């Protein structure tokens, strides 16, 4: 009996090792050439920046990705914005995507401070339209509160808000997501995801080819996932930092775009829509056919462009 169990365990171990080895070969063969440029933000550090679209009189659109996200997440949105005549910039936070790691902790203050340096070093003129997806709602609140002169308007894309993150009702989600993020980072670190990069798991958004290749690579990349998990672990601290700065100026135009049906999610949708409701020029679009991730993809990116045009015109 023990001999059979030993053989079964040995066979399972061999299967896992083979699974990871095959994934490693696939991942190495598919390593993408990053788009964009590396921008020096001082003190020997740099961040990857991808700017697209024509320069003109319109405000530049800065795109902040959510948890586990980076510039690639915005590939379809940037294409759609460029086609509509908007210039946009997306970037990889420190330790994410193709950006070198930054000093811990990776909380909101660290991320927003890096972003401020990147914006200054980019040479892109302000004020800007700020667009944030998911957890990036915290970053937009903190950046806007610290840099009100840089804000032309905001677009929150199925975004979390700092105020909601502080409530007791939201805290169980943060705990569960933090635990799940840690396990995701462990799986990526030992190579479990490499054989899955060409499945639908590698790109849940629906991205154009170049961004899709980057997203698939990052999906299986250990350092990227470990940094993402560290950011999620700092969610509560980041929310505290965000609510400590002034709230959005009611004179700023604010557009909110959410994913999924309203029915059964009325309280959640109301919390997401609150920043637009408080604005003197607010806009809310519930895209019921979209999921949280696919809202950024080629199928639904037009909704984000419409929200940018509302804010910027």
C-alpha atoms as a PDB file:
ATOM      1  CA  UNK A   1       0.000   0.000   0.000  1.00  0.00           C
ATOM      2  CA  UNK A   2       2.730   2.451   1.013  1.00  0.00           C
ATOM      3  CA  UNK A   3       4.648   1.566  -2.141  1.00  0.00           C
ATOM      4  CA  UNK A   4       1.626   2.467  -4.293  1.00  0.00           C
ATOM      5  CA  UNK A   5       1.151   5.723  -2.402  1.00  0.00           C
ATOM      6  CA  UNK A   6       4.827   6.552  -2.862  1.00  0.00           C
ATOM      7  CA  UNK A   7       4.619   5.889  -6.579  1.00  0.00           C
ATOM      8  CA  UNK A   8       1.484   8.056  -6.842  1.00  0.00           C
ATOM      9  CA  UNK A   9       3.170  10.931  -5.005  1.00  0.00           C
ATOM     10  CA  UNK A  10       6.290  10.592  -7.131  1.00  0.00           C
ATOM     11  CA  UNK A  11       4.165  10.598 -10.272  1.00  0.00           C
ATOM     12  CA  UNK A  12       2.260  13.661  -9.107  1.00  0.00           C
ATOM     13  CA  UNK A  13       5.509  15.463  -8.265  1.00  0.00           C
ATOM     14  CA  UNK A  14       6.897  14.621 -11.707  1.00  0.00           C
ATOM     15  CA  UNK A  15       3.702  15.920 -13.302  1.00  0.00           C
ATOM     16  CA  UNK A  16       3.983  19.223 -11.430  1.00  0.00           C
ATOM     17  CA  UNK A  17       7.674  19.626 -12.297  1.00  0.00           C
ATOM     18  CA  UNK A  18       6.940  18.862 -15.950  1.00  0.00           C
ATOM     19  CA  UNK A  19       3.997  21.296 -15.907  1.00  0.00           C
ATOM     20  CA  UNK A  20       6.224  24.066 -14.575  1.00  0.00           C
ATOM     21  CA  UNK A  21       9.099  23.207 -16.918  1.00  0.00           C
ATOM     22  CA  UNK A  22       6.875  23.311 -19.998  1.00  0.00           C
ATOM     23  CA  UNK A  23       5.421  26.580 -18.777  1.00  0.00           C
ATOM     24  CA  UNK A  24       8.906  28.003 -18.342  1.00  0.00           C
ATOM     25  CA  UNK A  25       9.796  27.185 -21.941  1.00  0.00           C
ATOM     26  CA  UNK A  26       6.549  28.733 -23.185  1.00  0.00           C
ATOM     27  CA  UNK A  27       7.067  31.849 -21.087  1.00  0.00           C
ATOM     28  CA  UNK A  28      10.680  32.304 -22.190  1.00  0.00           C
ATOM     29  CA  UNK A  29       9.712  31.943 -25.829  1.00  0.00           C
ATOM     30  CA  UNK A  30       6.924  34.523 -25.447  1.00  0.00           C
ATOM     31  CA  UNK A  31       8.751  37.288 -23.535  1.00  0.00           C
ATOM     32  CA  UNK A  32       7.439  40.529 -25.084  1.00  0.00           C
ATOM     33  CA  UNK A  33       9.375  43.629 -26.064  1.00  0.00           C
ATOM     34  CA  UNK A  34       7.913  46.372 -23.834  1.00  0.00           C
ATOM     35  CA  UNK A  35       6.193  49.283 -25.483  1.00  0.00           C
ATOM     36  CA  UNK A  36       6.909  52.843 -24.421  1.00  0.00           C
ATOM     37  CA  UNK A  37       9.976  54.241 -22.704  1.00  0.00           C
ATOM     38  CA  UNK A  38      11.688  54.171 -19.332  1.00  0.00           C
ATOM     39  CA  UNK A  39      11.491  57.552 -17.583  1.00  0.00           C
ATOM     40  CA  UNK A  40      13.996  58.666 -14.950  1.00  0.00           C
ATOM     41  CA  UNK A  41      12.135  59.836 -11.814  1.00  0.00           C
ATOM     42  CA  UNK A  42      15.275  60.637  -9.816  1.00  0.00           C
ATOM     43  CA  UNK A  43      17.437  58.933  -7.192  1.00  0.00           C
ATOM     44  CA  UNK A  44      18.502  56.291  -9.699  1.00  0.00           C
ATOM     45  CA  UNK A  45      14.950  55.052 -10.269  1.00  0.00           C
ATOM     46  CA  UNK A  46      12.800  54.805 -13.384  1.00  0.00           C
ATOM     47  CA  UNK A  47       9.279  53.789 -14.418  1.00  0.00           C
ATOM     48  CA  UNK A  48       7.931  52.457 -17.731  1.00  0.00           C
ATOM     49  CA  UNK A  49       5.660  54.955 -19.500  1.00  0.00           C
ATOM     50  CA  UNK A  50       3.433  54.398 -22.543  1.00  0.00           C
ATOM     51  CA  UNK A  51       2.001  57.564 -24.112  1.00  0.00           C
ATOM     52  CA  UNK A  52      -0.113  57.421 -27.271  1.00  0.00           C
ATOM     53  CA  UNK A  53      -2.267  59.756 -29.311  1.00  0.00           C
ATOM     54  CA  UNK A  54      -1.835  63.208 -30.829  1.00  0.00           C
ATOM     55  CA  UNK A  55      -0.675  66.265 -28.937  1.00  0.00           C
ATOM     56  CA  UNK A  56      -3.145  69.122 -28.985  1.00  0.00           C
ATOM     57  CA  UNK A  57      -5.216  71.528 -26.941  1.00  0.00           C
ATOM     58  CA  UNK A  58      -7.143  68.822 -25.111  1.00  0.00           C
ATOM     59  CA  UNK A  59      -6.025  67.714 -21.638  1.00  0.00           C
ATOM     60  CA  UNK A  60      -3.721  64.699 -21.499  1.00  0.00           C
ATOM     61  CA  UNK A  61      -5.444  61.606 -20.054  1.00  0.00           C
ATOM     62  CA  UNK A  62      -3.452  59.784 -17.353  1.00  0.00           C
ATOM     63  CA  UNK A  63      -4.491  56.180 -16.756  1.00  0.00           C
ATOM     64  CA  UNK A  64      -3.942  54.425 -13.411  1.00  0.00           C
ATOM     65  CA  UNK A  65      -4.425  50.648 -13.337  1.00  0.00           C
ATOM     66  CA  UNK A  66      -6.003  48.702 -10.503  1.00  0.00           C
ATOM     67  CA  UNK A  67      -4.699  45.858  -8.374  1.00  0.00           C
ATOM     68  CA  UNK A  68      -2.374  43.524 -10.320  1.00  0.00           C
ATOM     69  CA  UNK A  69      -2.679  45.944 -13.256  1.00  0.00           C
ATOM     70  CA  UNK A  70      -0.137  47.967 -15.223  1.00  0.00           C
ATOM     71  CA  UNK A  71       0.112  49.887 -18.510  1.00  0.00           C
ATOM     72  CA  UNK A  72      -0.921  46.853 -20.583  1.00  0.00           C
ATOM     73  CA  UNK A  73      -4.372  46.884 -18.955  1.00  0.00           C
ATOM     74  CA  UNK A  74      -5.095  50.113 -20.811  1.00  0.00           C
ATOM     75  CA  UNK A  75      -3.995  48.905 -24.264  1.00  0.00           C
ATOM     76  CA  UNK A  76      -7.489  48.803 -25.764  1.00  0.00           C
ATOM     77  CA  UNK A  77      -8.543  52.023 -24.041  1.00  0.00           C
ATOM     78  CA  UNK A  78      -5.476  53.877 -25.320  1.00  0.00           C
ATOM     79  CA  UNK A  79      -6.170  52.718 -28.879  1.00  0.00           C
ATOM     80  CA  UNK A  80      -9.770  53.933 -28.600  1.00  0.00           C
ATOM     81  CA  UNK A  81      -8.713  57.264 -27.089  1.00  0.00           C
ATOM     82  CA  UNK A  82      -6.115  57.816 -29.817  1.00  0.00           C
ATOM     83  CA  UNK A  83      -8.711  57.109 -32.504  1.00  0.00           C
ATOM     84  CA  UNK A  84     -10.941  59.758 -30.894  1.00  0.00           C
ATOM     85  CA  UNK A  85      -8.115  62.321 -30.894  1.00  0.00           C
ATOM     86  CA  UNK A  86      -7.058  62.126 -27.238  1.00  0.00           C
ATOM     87  CA  UNK A  87      -3.497  61.809 -25.953  1.00  0.00           C
ATOM     88  CA  UNK A  88      -3.163  59.353 -23.069  1.00  0.00           C
ATOM     89  CA  UNK A  89      -0.409  58.019 -20.834  1.00  0.00           C
ATOM     90  CA  UNK A  90      -0.322  54.756 -18.863  1.00  0.00           C
ATOM     91  CA  UNK A  91       2.522  53.457 -16.742  1.00  0.00           C
ATOM     92  CA  UNK A  92       3.837  50.576 -14.666  1.00  0.00           C
ATOM     93  CA  UNK A  93       4.050  51.217 -10.938  1.00  0.00           C
ATOM     94  CA  UNK A  94       7.344  50.349  -9.241  1.00  0.00           C
ATOM     95  CA  UNK A  95       7.853  46.581  -9.240  1.00  0.00           C
ATOM     96  CA  UNK A  96       4.938  46.049 -11.625  1.00  0.00           C
ATOM     97  CA  UNK A  97       5.195  45.099 -15.273  1.00  0.00           C
ATOM     98  CA  UNK A  98       8.503  46.367 -16.630  1.00  0.00           C
ATOM     99  CA  UNK A  99       9.281  48.949 -13.935  1.00  0.00           C
ATOM    100  CA  UNK A 100      12.077  48.188 -11.457  1.00  0.00           C
ATOM    101  CA  UNK A 101      10.996  47.728  -7.826  1.00  0.00           C
ATOM    102  CA  UNK A 102      10.717  50.628  -5.419  1.00  0.00           C
ATOM    103  CA  UNK A 103      11.360  50.861  -1.692  1.00  0.00           C
ATOM    104  CA  UNK A 104       8.716  49.420   0.654  1.00  0.00           C
ATOM    105  CA  UNK A 105       6.045  49.890   1.776  1.00  0.00           C
ATOM    106  CA  UNK A 106       4.066  49.983  -1.472  1.00  0.00           C
ATOM    107  CA  UNK A 107       1.193  51.944   0.031  1.00  0.00           C
ATOM    108  CA  UNK A 108      -0.766  54.788  -1.489  1.00  0.00           C
ATOM    109  CA  UNK A 109       1.684  57.474  -0.417  1.00  0.00           C
ATOM    110  CA  UNK A 110       4.614  55.684  -2.066  1.00  0.00           C
ATOM    111  CA  UNK A 111       2.670  55.051  -5.273  1.00  0.00           C
ATOM    112  CA  UNK A 112       1.261  58.570  -5.566  1.00  0.00           C
ATOM    113  CA  UNK A 113       4.642  60.133  -4.800  1.00  0.00           C
ATOM    114  CA  UNK A 114       6.187  58.078  -7.612  1.00  0.00           C
ATOM    115  CA  UNK A 115       3.353  59.127  -9.907  1.00  0.00           C
ATOM    116  CA  UNK A 116       3.916  62.796  -9.110  1.00  0.00           C
ATOM    117  CA  UNK A 117       7.586  62.419 -10.054  1.00  0.00           C
ATOM    118  CA  UNK A 118       6.684  60.579 -13.257  1.00  0.00           C
ATOM    119  CA  UNK A 119       4.178  63.234 -14.330  1.00  0.00           C
ATOM    120  CA  UNK A 120       6.767  65.963 -13.718  1.00  0.00           C
ATOM    121  CA  UNK A 121       9.488  64.073 -15.604  1.00  0.00           C
ATOM    122  CA  UNK A 122       7.226  63.170 -18.535  1.00  0.00           C
ATOM    123  CA  UNK A 123       6.988  66.742 -19.782  1.00  0.00           C
ATOM    124  CA  UNK A 124       3.277  66.292 -20.483  1.00  0.00           C
ATOM    125  CA  UNK A 125       1.412  69.560 -19.819  1.00  0.00           C
ATOM    126  CA  UNK A 126      -1.400  69.764 -17.284  1.00  0.00           C
ATOM    127  CA  UNK A 127      -3.994  69.993 -15.950  1.00  0.00           C
ATOM    128  CA  UNK A 128      -4.963  66.389 -16.669  1.00  0.00           C
ATOM    129  CA  UNK A 129      -7.924  64.093 -16.908  1.00  0.00           C
ATOM    130  CA  UNK A 130      -7.291  61.311 -14.384  1.00  0.00           C
ATOM    131  CA  UNK A 131      -8.738  57.867 -15.105  1.00  0.00           C
ATOM    132  CA  UNK A 132      -8.532  55.048 -12.580  1.00  0.00           C
ATOM    133  CA  UNK A 133      -9.760  51.458 -12.564  1.00  0.00           C
ATOM    134  CA  UNK A 134     -10.677  49.403  -9.489  1.00  0.00           C
ATOM    135  CA  UNK A 135      -8.246  49.972  -6.591  1.00  0.00           C
ATOM    136  CA  UNK A 136      -6.861  52.990  -8.488  1.00  0.00           C
ATOM    137  CA  UNK A 137      -9.817  54.942  -7.137  1.00  0.00           C
ATOM    138  CA  UNK A 138      -7.744  55.346  -3.975  1.00  0.00           C
ATOM    139  CA  UNK A 139      -4.781  56.728  -5.944  1.00  0.00           C
ATOM    140  CA  UNK A 140      -6.878  59.270  -7.831  1.00  0.00           C
ATOM    141  CA  UNK A 141      -8.370  60.615  -4.609  1.00  0.00           C
ATOM    142  CA  UNK A 142      -4.920  61.002  -3.037  1.00  0.00           C
ATOM    143  CA  UNK A 143      -3.250  62.518  -6.108  1.00  0.00           C
ATOM    144  CA  UNK A 144      -6.110  64.957  -6.709  1.00  0.00           C
ATOM    145  CA  UNK A 145      -6.121  66.033  -3.067  1.00  0.00           C
ATOM    146  CA  UNK A 146      -2.385  66.678  -3.152  1.00  0.00           C
ATOM    147  CA  UNK A 147      -2.338  68.288  -6.606  1.00  0.00           C
ATOM    148  CA  UNK A 148      -5.636  70.102  -7.192  1.00  0.00           C
ATOM    149  CA  UNK A 149      -4.038  72.414  -9.757  1.00  0.00           C
ATOM    150  CA  UNK A 150      -3.260  69.388 -11.953  1.00  0.00           C
ATOM    151  CA  UNK A 151      -6.864  68.175 -12.194  1.00  0.00           C
ATOM    152  CA  UNK A 152      -9.113  68.943 -15.169  1.00  0.00           C
ATOM    153  CA  UNK A 153     -11.532  66.127 -14.371  1.00  0.00           C
ATOM    154  CA  UNK A 154     -11.798  62.508 -13.260  1.00  0.00           C
ATOM    155  CA  UNK A 155     -13.124  59.234 -14.621  1.00  0.00           C
ATOM    156  CA  UNK A 156     -13.643  56.363 -12.158  1.00  0.00           C
ATOM    157  CA  UNK A 157     -13.868  53.002 -13.947  1.00  0.00           C
ATOM    158  CA  UNK A 158     -15.592  50.397 -11.751  1.00  0.00           C
ATOM    159  CA  UNK A 159     -13.481  51.948  -9.041  1.00  0.00           C
ATOM    160  CA  UNK A 160     -13.258  51.531  -5.302  1.00  0.00           C
ATOM    161  CA  UNK A 161     -13.583  54.720  -3.295  1.00  0.00           C
ATOM    162  CA  UNK A 162     -11.571  55.674  -0.253  1.00  0.00           C
ATOM    163  CA  UNK A 163     -14.692  56.471   1.747  1.00  0.00           C
ATOM    164  CA  UNK A 164     -16.277  53.085   1.060  1.00  0.00           C
ATOM    165  CA  UNK A 165     -12.999  51.324   1.886  1.00  0.00           C
ATOM    166  CA  UNK A 166     -13.138  52.800   5.374  1.00  0.00           C
ATOM    167  CA  UNK A 167     -16.538  51.289   6.172  1.00  0.00           C
ATOM    168  CA  UNK A 168     -17.001  48.122   8.235  1.00  0.00           C
ATOM    169  CA  UNK A 169     -19.013  46.567   5.413  1.00  0.00           C
ATOM    170  CA  UNK A 170     -16.033  46.768   3.040  1.00  0.00           C
ATOM    171  CA  UNK A 171     -13.361  45.437   5.382  1.00  0.00           C
ATOM    172  CA  UNK A 172     -14.215  41.711   4.941  1.00  0.00           C
ATOM    173  CA  UNK A 173     -13.656  42.100   1.200  1.00  0.00           C
ATOM    174  CA  UNK A 174     -10.234  43.649   1.829  1.00  0.00           C
ATOM    175  CA  UNK A 175      -9.241  40.747   4.090  1.00  0.00           C
ATOM    176  CA  UNK A 176     -10.387  38.101   1.607  1.00  0.00           C
ATOM    177  CA  UNK A 177      -8.763  39.862  -1.350  1.00  0.00           C
ATOM    178  CA  UNK A 178      -5.505  40.267   0.572  1.00  0.00           C
ATOM    179  CA  UNK A 179      -5.378  36.535   1.317  1.00  0.00           C
ATOM    180  CA  UNK A 180      -6.239  35.612  -2.279  1.00  0.00           C
ATOM    181  CA  UNK A 181      -3.563  37.996  -3.568  1.00  0.00           C
ATOM    182  CA  UNK A 182      -0.900  36.383  -1.417  1.00  0.00           C
ATOM    183  CA  UNK A 183      -1.793  32.931  -2.739  1.00  0.00           C
ATOM    184  CA  UNK A 184      -1.778  34.272  -6.295  1.00  0.00           C
ATOM    185  CA  UNK A 185       1.717  35.660  -5.739  1.00  0.00           C
ATOM    186  CA  UNK A 186       2.921  32.308  -4.371  1.00  0.00           C
ATOM    187  CA  UNK A 187       1.528  30.449  -7.368  1.00  0.00           C
ATOM    188  CA  UNK A 188       3.222  32.811  -9.806  1.00  0.00           C
ATOM    189  CA  UNK A 189       6.500  32.643  -7.869  1.00  0.00           C
ATOM    190  CA  UNK A 190       6.784  28.865  -8.256  1.00  0.00           C
ATOM    191  CA  UNK A 191       5.808  28.937 -11.913  1.00  0.00           C
ATOM    192  CA  UNK A 192       2.313  27.464 -11.699  1.00  0.00           C
ATOM    193  CA  UNK A 193       0.802  30.009 -14.087  1.00  0.00           C
ATOM    194  CA  UNK A 194       3.351  29.837 -16.892  1.00  0.00           C
ATOM    195  CA  UNK A 195       1.583  27.016 -18.780  1.00  0.00           C
ATOM    196  CA  UNK A 196      -1.648  29.044 -18.562  1.00  0.00           C
ATOM    197  CA  UNK A 197      -0.453  32.272 -20.160  1.00  0.00           C
ATOM    198  CA  UNK A 198      -2.070  31.462 -23.523  1.00  0.00           C
ATOM    199  CA  UNK A 199      -5.425  30.552 -21.984  1.00  0.00           C
ATOM    200  CA  UNK A 200      -8.181  33.051 -21.228  1.00  0.00           C
ATOM    201  CA  UNK A 201      -6.633  33.508 -17.778  1.00  0.00           C
ATOM    202  CA  UNK A 202      -3.641  35.267 -19.319  1.00  0.00           C
ATOM    203  CA  UNK A 203      -5.814  38.099 -20.613  1.00  0.00           C
ATOM    204  CA  UNK A 204      -9.220  38.538 -18.998  1.00  0.00           C
ATOM    205  CA  UNK A 205      -9.574  42.035 -20.456  1.00  0.00           C
ATOM    206  CA  UNK A 206      -9.629  41.513 -24.229  1.00  0.00           C
ATOM    207  CA  UNK A 207      -6.549  43.464 -25.297  1.00  0.00           C
ATOM    208  CA  UNK A 208      -4.939  44.226 -28.686  1.00  0.00           C
ATOM    209  CA  UNK A 209      -1.919  42.050 -29.582  1.00  0.00           C
ATOM    210  CA  UNK A 210       1.002  44.041 -28.140  1.00  0.00           C
ATOM    211  CA  UNK A 211      -0.719  44.764 -24.824  1.00  0.00           C
ATOM    212  CA  UNK A 212      -2.044  41.188 -24.702  1.00  0.00           C
ATOM    213  CA  UNK A 213       1.517  39.804 -24.915  1.00  0.00           C
ATOM    214  CA  UNK A 214       2.579  42.043 -22.013  1.00  0.00           C
ATOM    215  CA  UNK A 215      -0.435  41.077 -19.909  1.00  0.00           C
ATOM    216  CA  UNK A 216       0.147  37.366 -20.433  1.00  0.00           C
ATOM    217  CA  UNK A 217       3.792  37.728 -19.436  1.00  0.00           C
ATOM    218  CA  UNK A 218       2.934  39.628 -16.253  1.00  0.00           C
ATOM    219  CA  UNK A 219       0.197  37.137 -15.333  1.00  0.00           C
ATOM    220  CA  UNK A 220       2.864  34.480 -14.736  1.00  0.00           C
ATOM    221  CA  UNK A 221       5.645  36.740 -13.479  1.00  0.00           C
ATOM    222  CA  UNK A 222       6.621  36.240  -9.831  1.00  0.00           C
ATOM    223  CA  UNK A 223       7.988  39.728  -8.992  1.00  0.00           C
ATOM    224  CA  UNK A 224       4.985  41.423 -10.620  1.00  0.00           C
ATOM    225  CA  UNK A 225       2.529  39.338  -8.605  1.00  0.00           C
ATOM    226  CA  UNK A 226       4.442  39.694  -5.340  1.00  0.00           C
ATOM    227  CA  UNK A 227       4.457  43.495  -5.690  1.00  0.00           C
ATOM    228  CA  UNK A 228       0.747  43.452  -6.511  1.00  0.00           C
ATOM    229  CA  UNK A 229       0.035  41.402  -3.390  1.00  0.00           C
ATOM    230  CA  UNK A 230       2.036  43.881  -1.308  1.00  0.00           C
ATOM    231  CA  UNK A 231      -0.035  46.752  -2.704  1.00  0.00           C
ATOM    232  CA  UNK A 232      -3.274  44.946  -1.853  1.00  0.00           C
ATOM    233  CA  UNK A 233      -2.009  44.193   1.668  1.00  0.00           C
ATOM    234  CA  UNK A 234      -1.632  47.969   2.140  1.00  0.00           C
ATOM    235  CA  UNK A 235      -5.231  48.675   1.007  1.00  0.00           C
ATOM    236  CA  UNK A 236      -6.547  49.841   4.400  1.00  0.00           C
ATOM    237  CA  UNK A 237      -3.513  52.039   5.028  1.00  0.00           C
ATOM    238  CA  UNK A 238      -3.817  53.484   1.519  1.00  0.00           C
ATOM    239  CA  UNK A 239      -7.503  54.257   2.093  1.00  0.00           C
ATOM    240  CA  UNK A 240      -6.643  56.086   5.323  1.00  0.00           C
ATOM    241  CA  UNK A 241      -4.047  58.131   3.459  1.00  0.00           C
ATOM    242  CA  UNK A 242      -6.541  58.955   0.716  1.00  0.00           C
ATOM    243  CA  UNK A 243      -9.319  60.181   3.025  1.00  0.00           C
ATOM    244  CA  UNK A 244      -6.775  62.352   4.859  1.00  0.00           C
ATOM    245  CA  UNK A 245      -6.484  64.663   1.840  1.00  0.00           C
ATOM    246  CA  UNK A 246      -9.260  67.012   0.666  1.00  0.00           C
ATOM    247  CA  UNK A 247     -12.221  65.434  -1.117  1.00  0.00           C
ATOM    248  CA  UNK A 248     -12.878  66.044  -4.799  1.00  0.00           C
ATOM    249  CA  UNK A 249     -13.698  69.654  -5.600  1.00  0.00           C
ATOM    250  CA  UNK A 250     -17.416  69.706  -6.560  1.00  0.00           C
ATOM    251  CA  UNK A 251     -16.483  71.961  -9.481  1.00  0.00           C
ATOM    252  CA  UNK A 252     -14.433  69.178 -11.062  1.00  0.00           C
ATOM    253  CA  UNK A 253     -16.343  67.141 -13.641  1.00  0.00           C
ATOM    254  CA  UNK A 254     -16.499  63.503 -12.535  1.00  0.00           C
ATOM    255  CA  UNK A 255     -17.622  60.554 -14.643  1.00  0.00           C
ATOM    256  CA  UNK A 256     -18.277  57.115 -13.163  1.00  0.00           C
ATOM    257  CA  UNK A 257     -18.395  54.004 -15.344  1.00  0.00           C
ATOM    258  CA  UNK A 258     -19.321  50.745 -13.616  1.00  0.00           C
ATOM    259  CA  UNK A 259     -19.502  47.123 -14.756  1.00  0.00           C
ATOM    260  CA  UNK A 260     -22.281  44.610 -14.259  1.00  0.00           C
ATOM    261  CA  UNK A 261     -26.010  44.788 -13.530  1.00  0.00           C
ATOM    262  CA  UNK A 262     -27.480  47.281 -11.089  1.00  0.00           C
ATOM    263  CA  UNK A 263     -30.150  44.910  -9.775  1.00  0.00           C
ATOM    264  CA  UNK A 264     -28.939  43.214  -6.621  1.00  0.00           C
ATOM    265  CA  UNK A 265     -25.952  45.578  -6.348  1.00  0.00           C
ATOM    266  CA  UNK A 266     -27.764  48.791  -5.575  1.00  0.00           C
ATOM    267  CA  UNK A 267     -25.693  49.710  -2.482  1.00  0.00           C
ATOM    268  CA  UNK A 268     -22.382  48.978  -4.199  1.00  0.00           C
ATOM    269  CA  UNK A 269     -23.395  50.940  -7.294  1.00  0.00           C
ATOM    270  CA  UNK A 270     -24.500  53.875  -5.146  1.00  0.00           C
ATOM    271  CA  UNK A 271     -21.124  53.975  -3.383  1.00  0.00           C
ATOM    272  CA  UNK A 272     -19.320  53.908  -6.719  1.00  0.00           C
ATOM    273  CA  UNK A 273     -21.541  56.631  -8.181  1.00  0.00           C
ATOM    274  CA  UNK A 274     -21.206  58.925  -5.140  1.00  0.00           C
ATOM    275  CA  UNK A 275     -18.270  61.018  -6.476  1.00  0.00           C
ATOM    276  CA  UNK A 276     -20.229  61.843  -9.638  1.00  0.00           C
ATOM    277  CA  UNK A 277     -23.372  62.585  -7.635  1.00  0.00           C
ATOM    278  CA  UNK A 278     -21.435  65.074  -5.477  1.00  0.00           C
ATOM    279  CA  UNK A 279     -20.017  66.850  -8.529  1.00  0.00           C
ATOM    280  CA  UNK A 280     -21.797  69.835 -10.040  1.00  0.00           C
ATOM    281  CA  UNK A 281     -21.134  68.155 -13.391  1.00  0.00           C
ATOM    282  CA  UNK A 282     -21.380  64.426 -12.886  1.00  0.00           C
ATOM    283  CA  UNK A 283     -22.001  61.521 -15.210  1.00  0.00           C
ATOM    284  CA  UNK A 284     -22.803  57.865 -14.434  1.00  0.00           C
ATOM    285  CA  UNK A 285     -22.796  54.963 -16.902  1.00  0.00           C
ATOM    286  CA  UNK A 286     -23.648  51.447 -15.694  1.00  0.00           C
ATOM    287  CA  UNK A 287     -22.388  49.044 -18.381  1.00  0.00           C
ATOM    288  CA  UNK A 288     -24.417  46.009 -17.401  1.00  0.00           C
ATOM    289  CA  UNK A 289     -22.990  43.656 -20.045  1.00  0.00           C
ATOM    290  CA  UNK A 290     -19.380  44.253 -18.943  1.00  0.00           C
ATOM    291  CA  UNK A 291     -17.352  42.492 -16.285  1.00  0.00           C
ATOM    292  CA  UNK A 292     -14.895  44.243 -13.960  1.00  0.00           C
ATOM    293  CA  UNK A 293     -11.946  43.384 -16.222  1.00  0.00           C
ATOM    294  CA  UNK A 294     -13.549  43.358 -19.661  1.00  0.00           C
ATOM    295  CA  UNK A 295     -14.767  46.911 -19.128  1.00  0.00           C
ATOM    296  CA  UNK A 296     -11.217  47.935 -20.130  1.00  0.00           C
ATOM    297  CA  UNK A 297     -11.134  45.736 -23.245  1.00  0.00           C
ATOM    298  CA  UNK A 298     -11.845  46.303 -26.914  1.00  0.00           C
ATOM    299  CA  UNK A 299     -15.572  45.541 -26.557  1.00  0.00           C
ATOM    300  CA  UNK A 300     -16.347  48.210 -23.957  1.00  0.00           C
ATOM    301  CA  UNK A 301     -13.515  50.763 -24.171  1.00  0.00           C
ATOM    302  CA  UNK A 302     -15.848  53.129 -25.999  1.00  0.00           C
ATOM    303  CA  UNK A 303     -17.707  53.727 -22.738  1.00  0.00           C
ATOM    304  CA  UNK A 304     -14.486  55.020 -21.174  1.00  0.00           C
ATOM    305  CA  UNK A 305     -13.841  57.270 -24.178  1.00  0.00           C
ATOM    306  CA  UNK A 306     -17.367  58.675 -23.844  1.00  0.00           C
ATOM    307  CA  UNK A 307     -16.731  59.406 -20.165  1.00  0.00           C
ATOM    308  CA  UNK A 308     -13.429  61.147 -20.986  1.00  0.00           C
ATOM    309  CA  UNK A 309     -15.179  63.262 -23.590  1.00  0.00           C
ATOM    310  CA  UNK A 310     -17.852  64.257 -21.080  1.00  0.00           C
ATOM    311  CA  UNK A 311     -15.190  65.336 -18.578  1.00  0.00           C
ATOM    312  CA  UNK A 312     -12.907  67.020 -21.089  1.00  0.00           C
ATOM    313  CA  UNK A 313     -15.327  68.939 -23.280  1.00  0.00           C
END
